[in-house]
Amino acid sequence: KAQRMLAHRRPQKFFETLIRSLIILCVAIAVVLSSISVCDGRWLFARGQLFGLWHFCTVSNGSVLKCVTDLGLARVEGLSVGVIPVRSMVSFAVVVAIFGLELLMVSQVCEDANARRKWSMGSVLIFCSFLLSATGVLSFSILVKDHLTLMGFTLTYWCEFIAAFLFFLNGISGLHINSLTHPKN
């Protein structure tokens, strides 16, 4: 009878471990995408100008980029001041996501009495990363709203957008899988 009970539990444990591993993998991918996006920081190309978190660039002589760190030269009202909280939010989102990812991994490696709480806290941190990242992406779009075109967004902007989406999906999925596998009594 005990062997039959173990046989019924094994597939559930396997699928639970597989799903948790996939969540960890997707969070790791989101952290890498977000890190690349923040480090590069060039998010919008419009009318021969490249707007970013750290630099403002103009295209001269057809293909030569001339970049400066003084965002006031972009002649966009509020950009030089408004990009400071955007930088802070998306950078802090990466840091929070790294801590969340660490908690997720530790909860899987060390299956102790607190593993469920570590997983929940990691999932909450991943969801907080979504809030920070999405707010940063939206704030940047509002700052440069007069220059926005769908084709003007660069690959690094879309990396941050996708990372925010993955943070959301994985944060919610992590909390949901935890509530399914460990229902409250």
N, C-alpha and C. Protein backbone atom coordinates (compact mmCIF):
# COMPACT_ATOMS: atom_id res chain seq x y z
N LYS A 1 0.82 -1.20 0.00
CA LYS A 1 0.00 0.00 0.00
C LYS A 1 0.86 1.26 0.00
N ALA A 2 1.95 1.24 0.75
CA ALA A 2 2.85 2.39 0.81
C ALA A 2 3.52 2.61 -0.55
N GLN A 3 3.88 1.52 -1.24
CA GLN A 3 4.50 1.66 -2.55
C GLN A 3 3.53 2.25 -3.56
N ARG A 4 2.24 1.87 -3.48
CA ARG A 4 1.25 2.45 -4.38
C ARG A 4 1.10 3.94 -4.13
N MET A 5 1.14 4.35 -2.87
CA MET A 5 1.02 5.77 -2.55
C MET A 5 2.22 6.54 -3.09
N LEU A 6 3.41 5.97 -2.99
CA LEU A 6 4.60 6.62 -3.53
C LEU A 6 4.55 6.69 -5.05
N ALA A 7 4.03 5.64 -5.67
CA ALA A 7 3.92 5.62 -7.13
C ALA A 7 3.00 6.72 -7.63
N HIS A 8 1.95 7.02 -6.89
CA HIS A 8 1.04 8.08 -7.29
C HIS A 8 1.62 9.46 -7.05
N ARG A 9 2.52 9.59 -6.12
CA ARG A 9 3.10 10.91 -5.80
C ARG A 9 4.24 11.28 -6.74
N ARG A 10 4.98 10.31 -7.25
CA ARG A 10 6.15 10.60 -8.06
C ARG A 10 5.86 11.44 -9.30
N PRO A 11 4.87 11.10 -10.12
CA PRO A 11 4.62 11.93 -11.30
C PRO A 11 4.26 13.37 -10.92
N GLN A 12 3.48 13.54 -9.84
CA GLN A 12 3.12 14.89 -9.43
C GLN A 12 4.39 15.66 -9.01
N LYS A 13 5.27 15.03 -8.27
CA LYS A 13 6.52 15.66 -7.83
C LYS A 13 7.40 15.99 -9.04
N PHE A 14 7.43 15.09 -10.02
CA PHE A 14 8.23 15.32 -11.22
C PHE A 14 7.71 16.55 -11.98
N PHE A 15 6.41 16.63 -12.19
CA PHE A 15 5.85 17.75 -12.92
C PHE A 15 5.99 19.06 -12.14
N GLU A 16 5.83 18.97 -10.84
CA GLU A 16 6.02 20.17 -10.01
C GLU A 16 7.46 20.68 -10.12
N THR A 17 8.42 19.77 -10.04
CA THR A 17 9.82 20.15 -10.17
C THR A 17 10.12 20.70 -11.56
N LEU A 18 9.53 20.08 -12.58
CA LEU A 18 9.71 20.57 -13.95
C LEU A 18 9.17 21.99 -14.11
N ILE A 19 7.98 22.24 -13.60
CA ILE A 19 7.38 23.57 -13.73
C ILE A 19 8.19 24.59 -12.96
N ARG A 20 8.61 24.24 -11.77
CA ARG A 20 9.43 25.18 -10.98
C ARG A 20 10.77 25.46 -11.68
N SER A 21 11.35 24.43 -12.29
CA SER A 21 12.61 24.62 -13.03
C SER A 21 12.41 25.53 -14.23
N LEU A 22 11.29 25.37 -14.93
CA LEU A 22 11.00 26.24 -16.07
C LEU A 22 10.78 27.69 -15.63
N ILE A 23 10.14 27.88 -14.49
CA ILE A 23 9.96 29.24 -13.97
C ILE A 23 11.31 29.86 -13.65
N ILE A 24 12.20 29.08 -13.02
CA ILE A 24 13.53 29.59 -12.70
C ILE A 24 14.30 29.93 -13.97
N LEU A 25 14.21 29.08 -14.98
CA LEU A 25 14.89 29.34 -16.26
C LEU A 25 14.37 30.62 -16.92
N CYS A 26 13.05 30.80 -16.93
CA CYS A 26 12.47 31.99 -17.55
C CYS A 26 12.83 33.26 -16.79
N VAL A 27 12.90 33.17 -15.47
CA VAL A 27 13.31 34.34 -14.68
C VAL A 27 14.77 34.68 -15.00
N ALA A 28 15.61 33.67 -15.13
CA ALA A 28 17.02 33.91 -15.47
C ALA A 28 17.13 34.58 -16.84
N ILE A 29 16.35 34.14 -17.79
CA ILE A 29 16.36 34.77 -19.12
C ILE A 29 15.90 36.22 -19.02
N ALA A 30 14.86 36.47 -18.23
CA ALA A 30 14.36 37.84 -18.05
C ALA A 30 15.40 38.73 -17.40
N VAL A 31 16.15 38.20 -16.44
CA VAL A 31 17.20 38.98 -15.78
C VAL A 31 18.28 39.35 -16.79
N VAL A 32 18.66 38.41 -17.64
CA VAL A 32 19.68 38.69 -18.67
C VAL A 32 19.17 39.74 -19.65
N LEU A 33 17.95 39.59 -20.14
CA LEU A 33 17.38 40.56 -21.08
C LEU A 33 17.31 41.96 -20.46
N SER A 34 16.86 42.02 -19.23
CA SER A 34 16.73 43.31 -18.56
C SER A 34 18.11 43.94 -18.31
N SER A 35 19.08 43.13 -17.95
CA SER A 35 20.44 43.65 -17.72
C SER A 35 21.04 44.22 -19.00
N ILE A 36 20.87 43.51 -20.09
CA ILE A 36 21.37 44.01 -21.38
C ILE A 36 20.69 45.32 -21.74
N SER A 37 19.39 45.38 -21.53
CA SER A 37 18.63 46.57 -21.87
C SER A 37 19.05 47.77 -21.03
N VAL A 38 19.28 47.57 -19.75
CA VAL A 38 19.68 48.67 -18.88
C VAL A 38 21.10 49.12 -19.20
N CYS A 39 21.99 48.17 -19.42
CA CYS A 39 23.39 48.54 -19.69
C CYS A 39 23.53 49.28 -21.01
N ASP A 40 22.86 48.83 -22.04
CA ASP A 40 22.91 49.53 -23.33
C ASP A 40 22.13 50.83 -23.24
N GLY A 41 20.89 50.74 -22.84
CA GLY A 41 20.07 51.90 -22.56
C GLY A 41 19.61 52.74 -23.73
N ARG A 42 19.92 52.38 -24.95
CA ARG A 42 19.46 53.16 -26.11
C ARG A 42 18.12 52.58 -26.56
N TRP A 43 17.05 53.29 -26.25
CA TRP A 43 15.72 52.70 -26.38
C TRP A 43 14.88 53.23 -27.53
N LEU A 44 15.16 54.40 -28.05
CA LEU A 44 14.28 54.96 -29.08
C LEU A 44 15.11 55.68 -30.15
N PHE A 45 14.85 55.34 -31.41
CA PHE A 45 15.49 56.02 -32.53
C PHE A 45 14.40 56.72 -33.32
N ALA A 46 14.49 58.05 -33.39
CA ALA A 46 13.47 58.83 -34.10
C ALA A 46 14.10 60.07 -34.71
N ARG A 47 13.84 60.31 -35.98
CA ARG A 47 14.28 61.51 -36.69
C ARG A 47 15.79 61.75 -36.57
N GLY A 48 16.54 60.69 -36.73
CA GLY A 48 18.00 60.82 -36.68
C GLY A 48 18.55 61.03 -35.28
N GLN A 49 17.75 60.79 -34.28
CA GLN A 49 18.19 60.93 -32.90
C GLN A 49 17.96 59.62 -32.16
N LEU A 50 18.89 59.31 -31.27
CA LEU A 50 18.80 58.09 -30.48
C LEU A 50 18.68 58.48 -29.01
N PHE A 51 17.50 58.19 -28.43
CA PHE A 51 17.23 58.54 -27.04
C PHE A 51 17.51 57.32 -26.18
N GLY A 52 18.16 57.56 -25.06
CA GLY A 52 18.47 56.45 -24.18
C GLY A 52 18.43 56.83 -22.72
N LEU A 53 18.70 55.84 -21.90
CA LEU A 53 18.73 56.07 -20.47
C LEU A 53 19.98 56.81 -20.03
N TRP A 54 21.07 56.58 -20.73
CA TRP A 54 22.36 57.14 -20.32
C TRP A 54 22.91 58.15 -21.31
N HIS A 55 22.51 58.05 -22.57
CA HIS A 55 23.07 58.90 -23.63
C HIS A 55 21.99 59.44 -24.54
N PHE A 56 22.34 60.53 -25.20
CA PHE A 56 21.55 61.05 -26.31
C PHE A 56 22.49 61.10 -27.50
N CYS A 57 22.09 60.53 -28.61
CA CYS A 57 22.96 60.46 -29.79
C CYS A 57 22.26 61.07 -30.99
N THR A 58 23.06 61.63 -31.87
CA THR A 58 22.56 62.11 -33.15
C THR A 58 23.35 61.42 -34.25
N VAL A 59 22.68 61.21 -35.37
CA VAL A 59 23.34 60.60 -36.52
C VAL A 59 23.81 61.71 -37.43
N SER A 60 25.10 61.74 -37.69
CA SER A 60 25.64 62.75 -38.60
C SER A 60 26.41 62.06 -39.72
N ASN A 61 26.49 62.69 -40.85
CA ASN A 61 27.18 62.15 -42.03
C ASN A 61 26.69 60.76 -42.43
N GLY A 62 25.41 60.55 -42.28
CA GLY A 62 24.82 59.30 -42.74
C GLY A 62 24.87 58.15 -41.77
N SER A 63 25.99 57.92 -41.07
CA SER A 63 26.05 56.75 -40.21
C SER A 63 26.89 56.91 -38.95
N VAL A 64 27.49 58.07 -38.74
CA VAL A 64 28.34 58.26 -37.57
C VAL A 64 27.50 58.76 -36.40
N LEU A 65 27.56 58.05 -35.28
CA LEU A 65 26.83 58.43 -34.08
C LEU A 65 27.67 59.38 -33.24
N LYS A 66 27.06 60.49 -32.85
CA LYS A 66 27.70 61.43 -31.94
C LYS A 66 26.87 61.41 -30.65
N CYS A 67 27.45 60.84 -29.59
CA CYS A 67 26.70 60.65 -28.35
C CYS A 67 27.22 61.56 -27.25
N VAL A 68 26.30 62.05 -26.44
CA VAL A 68 26.63 62.87 -25.28
C VAL A 68 25.82 62.36 -24.09
N THR A 69 26.34 62.62 -22.90
CA THR A 69 25.63 62.21 -21.69
C THR A 69 24.69 63.30 -21.19
N ASP A 70 24.80 64.50 -21.73
CA ASP A 70 23.91 65.59 -21.34
C ASP A 70 22.60 65.44 -22.11
N LEU A 71 21.59 64.90 -21.45
CA LEU A 71 20.31 64.64 -22.11
C LEU A 71 19.53 65.93 -22.36
N GLY A 72 19.97 67.05 -21.79
CA GLY A 72 19.33 68.33 -22.05
C GLY A 72 19.50 68.77 -23.50
N LEU A 73 20.53 68.25 -24.17
CA LEU A 73 20.77 68.59 -25.57
C LEU A 73 19.73 67.96 -26.50
N ALA A 74 18.94 67.05 -25.99
CA ALA A 74 17.91 66.40 -26.80
C ALA A 74 16.74 67.33 -27.08
N ARG A 75 16.64 68.40 -26.34
CA ARG A 75 15.56 69.39 -26.48
C ARG A 75 14.18 68.74 -26.30
N VAL A 76 14.11 67.81 -25.34
CA VAL A 76 12.85 67.20 -24.97
C VAL A 76 12.58 67.63 -23.53
N GLU A 77 11.45 68.27 -23.35
CA GLU A 77 11.12 68.83 -22.04
C GLU A 77 11.03 67.74 -20.97
N GLY A 78 11.83 67.90 -19.93
CA GLY A 78 11.81 66.99 -18.80
C GLY A 78 12.60 65.72 -18.97
N LEU A 79 13.25 65.51 -20.10
CA LEU A 79 13.96 64.26 -20.34
C LEU A 79 15.17 64.11 -19.42
N SER A 80 15.95 65.19 -19.27
CA SER A 80 17.18 65.08 -18.47
C SER A 80 16.88 64.79 -17.00
N VAL A 81 15.77 65.28 -16.48
CA VAL A 81 15.39 65.02 -15.09
C VAL A 81 14.54 63.76 -14.99
N GLY A 82 13.65 63.55 -15.93
CA GLY A 82 12.72 62.43 -15.88
C GLY A 82 13.36 61.08 -16.10
N VAL A 83 14.49 61.06 -16.78
CA VAL A 83 15.13 59.77 -17.06
C VAL A 83 15.86 59.23 -15.82
N ILE A 84 16.11 60.08 -14.84
CA ILE A 84 16.80 59.63 -13.62
C ILE A 84 15.97 58.60 -12.86
N PRO A 85 14.68 58.87 -12.58
CA PRO A 85 13.89 57.80 -11.93
C PRO A 85 13.68 56.58 -12.82
N VAL A 86 13.64 56.78 -14.13
CA VAL A 86 13.48 55.63 -15.04
C VAL A 86 14.70 54.72 -14.93
N ARG A 87 15.89 55.32 -14.97
CA ARG A 87 17.12 54.55 -14.80
C ARG A 87 17.11 53.79 -13.47
N SER A 88 16.72 54.51 -12.43
CA SER A 88 16.71 53.91 -11.09
C SER A 88 15.73 52.74 -11.03
N MET A 89 14.54 52.91 -11.58
CA MET A 89 13.53 51.84 -11.52
C MET A 89 13.97 50.59 -12.27
N VAL A 90 14.46 50.75 -13.49
CA VAL A 90 14.81 49.56 -14.27
C VAL A 90 16.08 48.90 -13.72
N SER A 91 16.99 49.70 -13.18
CA SER A 91 18.19 49.11 -12.57
C SER A 91 17.83 48.37 -11.29
N PHE A 92 16.97 48.98 -10.48
CA PHE A 92 16.55 48.34 -9.24
C PHE A 92 15.71 47.09 -9.54
N ALA A 93 14.98 47.10 -10.64
CA ALA A 93 14.20 45.92 -11.03
C ALA A 93 15.12 44.72 -11.27
N VAL A 94 16.28 44.96 -11.88
CA VAL A 94 17.24 43.87 -12.12
C VAL A 94 17.77 43.34 -10.80
N VAL A 95 18.11 44.25 -9.88
CA VAL A 95 18.65 43.83 -8.59
C VAL A 95 17.62 43.02 -7.81
N VAL A 96 16.39 43.50 -7.77
CA VAL A 96 15.33 42.78 -7.05
C VAL A 96 15.08 41.42 -7.69
N ALA A 97 15.12 41.36 -9.01
CA ALA A 97 14.91 40.09 -9.71
C ALA A 97 16.03 39.10 -9.42
N ILE A 98 17.24 39.59 -9.27
CA ILE A 98 18.36 38.69 -8.95
C ILE A 98 18.15 38.07 -7.56
N PHE A 99 17.73 38.89 -6.61
CA PHE A 99 17.46 38.35 -5.27
C PHE A 99 16.28 37.38 -5.31
N GLY A 100 15.25 37.70 -6.09
CA GLY A 100 14.12 36.79 -6.23
C GLY A 100 14.54 35.47 -6.86
N LEU A 101 15.37 35.55 -7.89
CA LEU A 101 15.86 34.34 -8.55
C LEU A 101 16.68 33.50 -7.59
N GLU A 102 17.48 34.15 -6.77
CA GLU A 102 18.27 33.41 -5.79
C GLU A 102 17.38 32.68 -4.80
N LEU A 103 16.33 33.33 -4.32
CA LEU A 103 15.40 32.67 -3.40
C LEU A 103 14.69 31.50 -4.06
N LEU A 104 14.32 31.66 -5.33
CA LEU A 104 13.67 30.55 -6.04
C LEU A 104 14.61 29.35 -6.15
N MET A 105 15.86 29.61 -6.50
CA MET A 105 16.82 28.52 -6.66
C MET A 105 17.13 27.85 -5.32
N VAL A 106 17.32 28.65 -4.27
CA VAL A 106 17.62 28.09 -2.96
C VAL A 106 16.46 27.24 -2.45
N SER A 107 15.23 27.67 -2.72
CA SER A 107 14.08 26.89 -2.27
C SER A 107 14.02 25.54 -2.95
N GLN A 108 14.55 25.43 -4.16
CA GLN A 108 14.54 24.16 -4.86
C GLN A 108 15.72 23.27 -4.45
N VAL A 109 16.84 23.88 -4.16
CA VAL A 109 18.03 23.10 -3.80
C VAL A 109 17.93 22.59 -2.36
N CYS A 110 17.52 23.47 -1.46
CA CYS A 110 17.43 23.11 -0.04
C CYS A 110 15.97 22.93 0.33
N GLU A 111 15.49 21.74 0.22
CA GLU A 111 14.09 21.49 0.54
C GLU A 111 13.94 21.30 2.04
N ASP A 112 13.95 22.41 2.76
CA ASP A 112 13.77 22.36 4.21
C ASP A 112 12.37 22.86 4.55
N ALA A 113 12.15 23.12 5.82
CA ALA A 113 10.82 23.55 6.27
C ALA A 113 10.44 24.93 5.73
N ASN A 114 11.42 25.74 5.38
CA ASN A 114 11.15 27.09 4.90
C ASN A 114 11.18 27.21 3.38
N ALA A 115 11.28 26.10 2.67
CA ALA A 115 11.39 26.14 1.20
C ALA A 115 10.17 26.80 0.58
N ARG A 116 9.01 26.50 1.09
CA ARG A 116 7.78 27.09 0.54
C ARG A 116 7.75 28.60 0.74
N ARG A 117 8.19 29.05 1.91
CA ARG A 117 8.24 30.50 2.16
C ARG A 117 9.28 31.19 1.29
N LYS A 118 10.41 30.54 1.08
CA LYS A 118 11.45 31.10 0.21
C LYS A 118 10.92 31.24 -1.22
N TRP A 119 10.21 30.21 -1.68
CA TRP A 119 9.64 30.26 -3.03
C TRP A 119 8.64 31.40 -3.15
N SER A 120 7.77 31.54 -2.14
CA SER A 120 6.77 32.62 -2.15
C SER A 120 7.44 33.98 -2.16
N MET A 121 8.44 34.17 -1.30
CA MET A 121 9.13 35.46 -1.23
C MET A 121 9.86 35.74 -2.54
N GLY A 122 10.47 34.73 -3.13
CA GLY A 122 11.13 34.91 -4.43
C GLY A 122 10.13 35.31 -5.51
N SER A 123 8.97 34.69 -5.51
CA SER A 123 7.93 35.02 -6.49
C SER A 123 7.42 36.45 -6.29
N VAL A 124 7.28 36.86 -5.03
CA VAL A 124 6.85 38.23 -4.75
C VAL A 124 7.90 39.22 -5.23
N LEU A 125 9.18 38.90 -5.03
CA LEU A 125 10.24 39.80 -5.51
C LEU A 125 10.25 39.88 -7.05
N ILE A 126 10.00 38.77 -7.70
CA ILE A 126 9.92 38.77 -9.17
C ILE A 126 8.74 39.63 -9.63
N PHE A 127 7.63 39.54 -8.93
CA PHE A 127 6.48 40.39 -9.27
C PHE A 127 6.80 41.87 -9.02
N CYS A 128 7.53 42.16 -7.95
CA CYS A 128 7.96 43.55 -7.70
C CYS A 128 8.88 44.04 -8.82
N SER A 129 9.70 43.15 -9.35
CA SER A 129 10.55 43.50 -10.50
C SER A 129 9.70 43.88 -11.70
N PHE A 130 8.61 43.15 -11.89
CA PHE A 130 7.69 43.51 -12.96
C PHE A 130 7.15 44.92 -12.77
N LEU A 131 6.71 45.24 -11.56
CA LEU A 131 6.16 46.57 -11.30
C LEU A 131 7.18 47.67 -11.57
N LEU A 132 8.41 47.46 -11.11
CA LEU A 132 9.46 48.45 -11.33
C LEU A 132 9.81 48.58 -12.82
N SER A 133 9.98 47.45 -13.46
CA SER A 133 10.37 47.45 -14.88
C SER A 133 9.28 48.04 -15.76
N ALA A 134 8.04 47.65 -15.53
CA ALA A 134 6.93 48.16 -16.34
C ALA A 134 6.74 49.66 -16.12
N THR A 135 6.90 50.11 -14.88
CA THR A 135 6.80 51.54 -14.61
C THR A 135 7.90 52.31 -15.31
N GLY A 136 9.11 51.76 -15.34
CA GLY A 136 10.22 52.40 -16.04
C GLY A 136 9.98 52.48 -17.54
N VAL A 137 9.51 51.39 -18.13
CA VAL A 137 9.23 51.36 -19.57
C VAL A 137 8.13 52.37 -19.92
N LEU A 138 7.08 52.38 -19.13
CA LEU A 138 5.96 53.30 -19.38
C LEU A 138 6.39 54.75 -19.17
N SER A 139 7.16 55.02 -18.15
CA SER A 139 7.62 56.39 -17.88
C SER A 139 8.50 56.91 -19.00
N PHE A 140 9.39 56.05 -19.51
CA PHE A 140 10.25 56.47 -20.62
C PHE A 140 9.40 56.80 -21.84
N SER A 141 8.41 55.98 -22.11
CA SER A 141 7.53 56.22 -23.26
C SER A 141 6.77 57.53 -23.12
N ILE A 142 6.36 57.84 -21.90
CA ILE A 142 5.65 59.10 -21.67
C ILE A 142 6.60 60.29 -21.85
N LEU A 143 7.86 60.14 -21.42
CA LEU A 143 8.83 61.23 -21.54
C LEU A 143 9.10 61.60 -23.00
N VAL A 144 9.17 60.61 -23.86
CA VAL A 144 9.51 60.86 -25.28
C VAL A 144 8.29 60.68 -26.18
N LYS A 145 7.11 60.95 -25.64
CA LYS A 145 5.85 60.69 -26.36
C LYS A 145 5.75 61.42 -27.69
N ASP A 146 6.39 62.57 -27.82
CA ASP A 146 6.31 63.32 -29.07
C ASP A 146 7.17 62.70 -30.17
N HIS A 147 8.06 61.82 -29.81
CA HIS A 147 8.96 61.19 -30.79
C HIS A 147 8.65 59.72 -31.02
N LEU A 148 7.60 59.22 -30.39
CA LEU A 148 7.30 57.79 -30.46
C LEU A 148 6.80 57.36 -31.83
N THR A 149 7.37 56.28 -32.31
CA THR A 149 6.85 55.52 -33.44
C THR A 149 7.08 54.05 -33.10
N LEU A 150 6.21 53.20 -33.57
CA LEU A 150 6.35 51.79 -33.26
C LEU A 150 7.67 51.23 -33.80
N MET A 151 8.08 51.67 -34.96
CA MET A 151 9.32 51.18 -35.55
C MET A 151 10.54 51.87 -34.95
N GLY A 152 10.34 52.91 -34.15
CA GLY A 152 11.46 53.64 -33.55
C GLY A 152 12.04 52.97 -32.32
N PHE A 153 11.25 52.11 -31.68
CA PHE A 153 11.77 51.42 -30.50
C PHE A 153 12.89 50.47 -30.90
N THR A 154 13.98 50.52 -30.16
CA THR A 154 15.13 49.68 -30.49
C THR A 154 14.99 48.29 -29.88
N LEU A 155 15.91 47.42 -30.25
CA LEU A 155 15.90 46.06 -29.74
C LEU A 155 16.07 46.03 -28.23
N THR A 156 16.87 46.94 -27.68
CA THR A 156 17.05 46.94 -26.23
C THR A 156 15.79 47.38 -25.49
N TYR A 157 15.00 48.26 -26.09
CA TYR A 157 13.71 48.61 -25.48
C TYR A 157 12.80 47.38 -25.46
N TRP A 158 12.76 46.65 -26.56
CA TRP A 158 11.90 45.47 -26.61
C TRP A 158 12.41 44.38 -25.66
N CYS A 159 13.72 44.34 -25.44
CA CYS A 159 14.26 43.40 -24.44
C CYS A 159 13.70 43.72 -23.06
N GLU A 160 13.67 45.01 -22.71
CA GLU A 160 13.14 45.40 -21.40
C GLU A 160 11.64 45.15 -21.33
N PHE A 161 10.94 45.40 -22.42
CA PHE A 161 9.50 45.15 -22.47
C PHE A 161 9.20 43.67 -22.26
N ILE A 162 9.93 42.81 -22.95
CA ILE A 162 9.74 41.36 -22.83
C ILE A 162 10.15 40.89 -21.44
N ALA A 163 11.23 41.47 -20.89
CA ALA A 163 11.66 41.11 -19.54
C ALA A 163 10.57 41.45 -18.53
N ALA A 164 9.95 42.62 -18.68
CA ALA A 164 8.86 43.00 -17.76
C ALA A 164 7.71 42.00 -17.88
N PHE A 165 7.40 41.61 -19.10
CA PHE A 165 6.33 40.62 -19.32
C PHE A 165 6.68 39.28 -18.68
N LEU A 166 7.93 38.85 -18.83
CA LEU A 166 8.35 37.59 -18.22
C LEU A 166 8.36 37.67 -16.70
N PHE A 167 8.76 38.83 -16.16
CA PHE A 167 8.70 39.00 -14.70
C PHE A 167 7.27 38.83 -14.20
N PHE A 168 6.33 39.42 -14.93
CA PHE A 168 4.93 39.29 -14.54
C PHE A 168 4.47 37.84 -14.58
N LEU A 169 4.69 37.18 -15.71
CA LEU A 169 4.23 35.80 -15.86
C LEU A 169 4.84 34.87 -14.82
N ASN A 170 6.14 35.02 -14.59
CA ASN A 170 6.82 34.12 -13.68
C ASN A 170 6.51 34.43 -12.22
N GLY A 171 6.32 35.69 -11.88
CA GLY A 171 5.94 36.03 -10.52
C GLY A 171 4.58 35.47 -10.17
N ILE A 172 3.62 35.68 -11.07
CA ILE A 172 2.27 35.16 -10.85
C ILE A 172 2.26 33.62 -10.88
N SER A 173 2.98 33.04 -11.83
CA SER A 173 3.03 31.57 -11.94
C SER A 173 3.68 30.96 -10.70
N GLY A 174 4.73 31.59 -10.20
CA GLY A 174 5.39 31.08 -9.01
C GLY A 174 4.47 31.08 -7.80
N LEU A 175 3.72 32.15 -7.64
CA LEU A 175 2.77 32.20 -6.53
C LEU A 175 1.65 31.18 -6.71
N HIS A 176 1.21 31.02 -7.96
CA HIS A 176 0.11 30.09 -8.24
C HIS A 176 0.54 28.64 -8.02
N ILE A 177 1.71 28.28 -8.52
CA ILE A 177 2.15 26.88 -8.35
C ILE A 177 2.37 26.57 -6.87
N ASN A 178 2.80 27.56 -6.11
CA ASN A 178 2.99 27.36 -4.68
C ASN A 178 1.65 27.14 -3.98
N SER A 179 0.64 27.89 -4.40
CA SER A 179 -0.68 27.71 -3.76
C SER A 179 -1.34 26.39 -4.19
N LEU A 180 -1.04 25.92 -5.39
CA LEU A 180 -1.61 24.64 -5.84
C LEU A 180 -0.97 23.46 -5.16
N THR A 181 0.34 23.51 -4.98
CA THR A 181 1.05 22.36 -4.42
C THR A 181 1.06 22.32 -2.91
N HIS A 182 0.86 23.48 -2.29
CA HIS A 182 0.83 23.53 -0.83
C HIS A 182 -0.40 24.31 -0.39
N PRO A 183 -1.58 23.73 -0.52
CA PRO A 183 -2.78 24.46 -0.12
C PRO A 183 -2.76 24.73 1.38
N LYS A 184 -3.32 25.89 1.74
CA LYS A 184 -3.39 26.25 3.16
C LYS A 184 -4.43 25.40 3.85
N ASN A 185 -4.09 24.98 5.05
CA ASN A 185 -5.03 24.15 5.82
C ASN A 185 -5.87 25.05 6.69
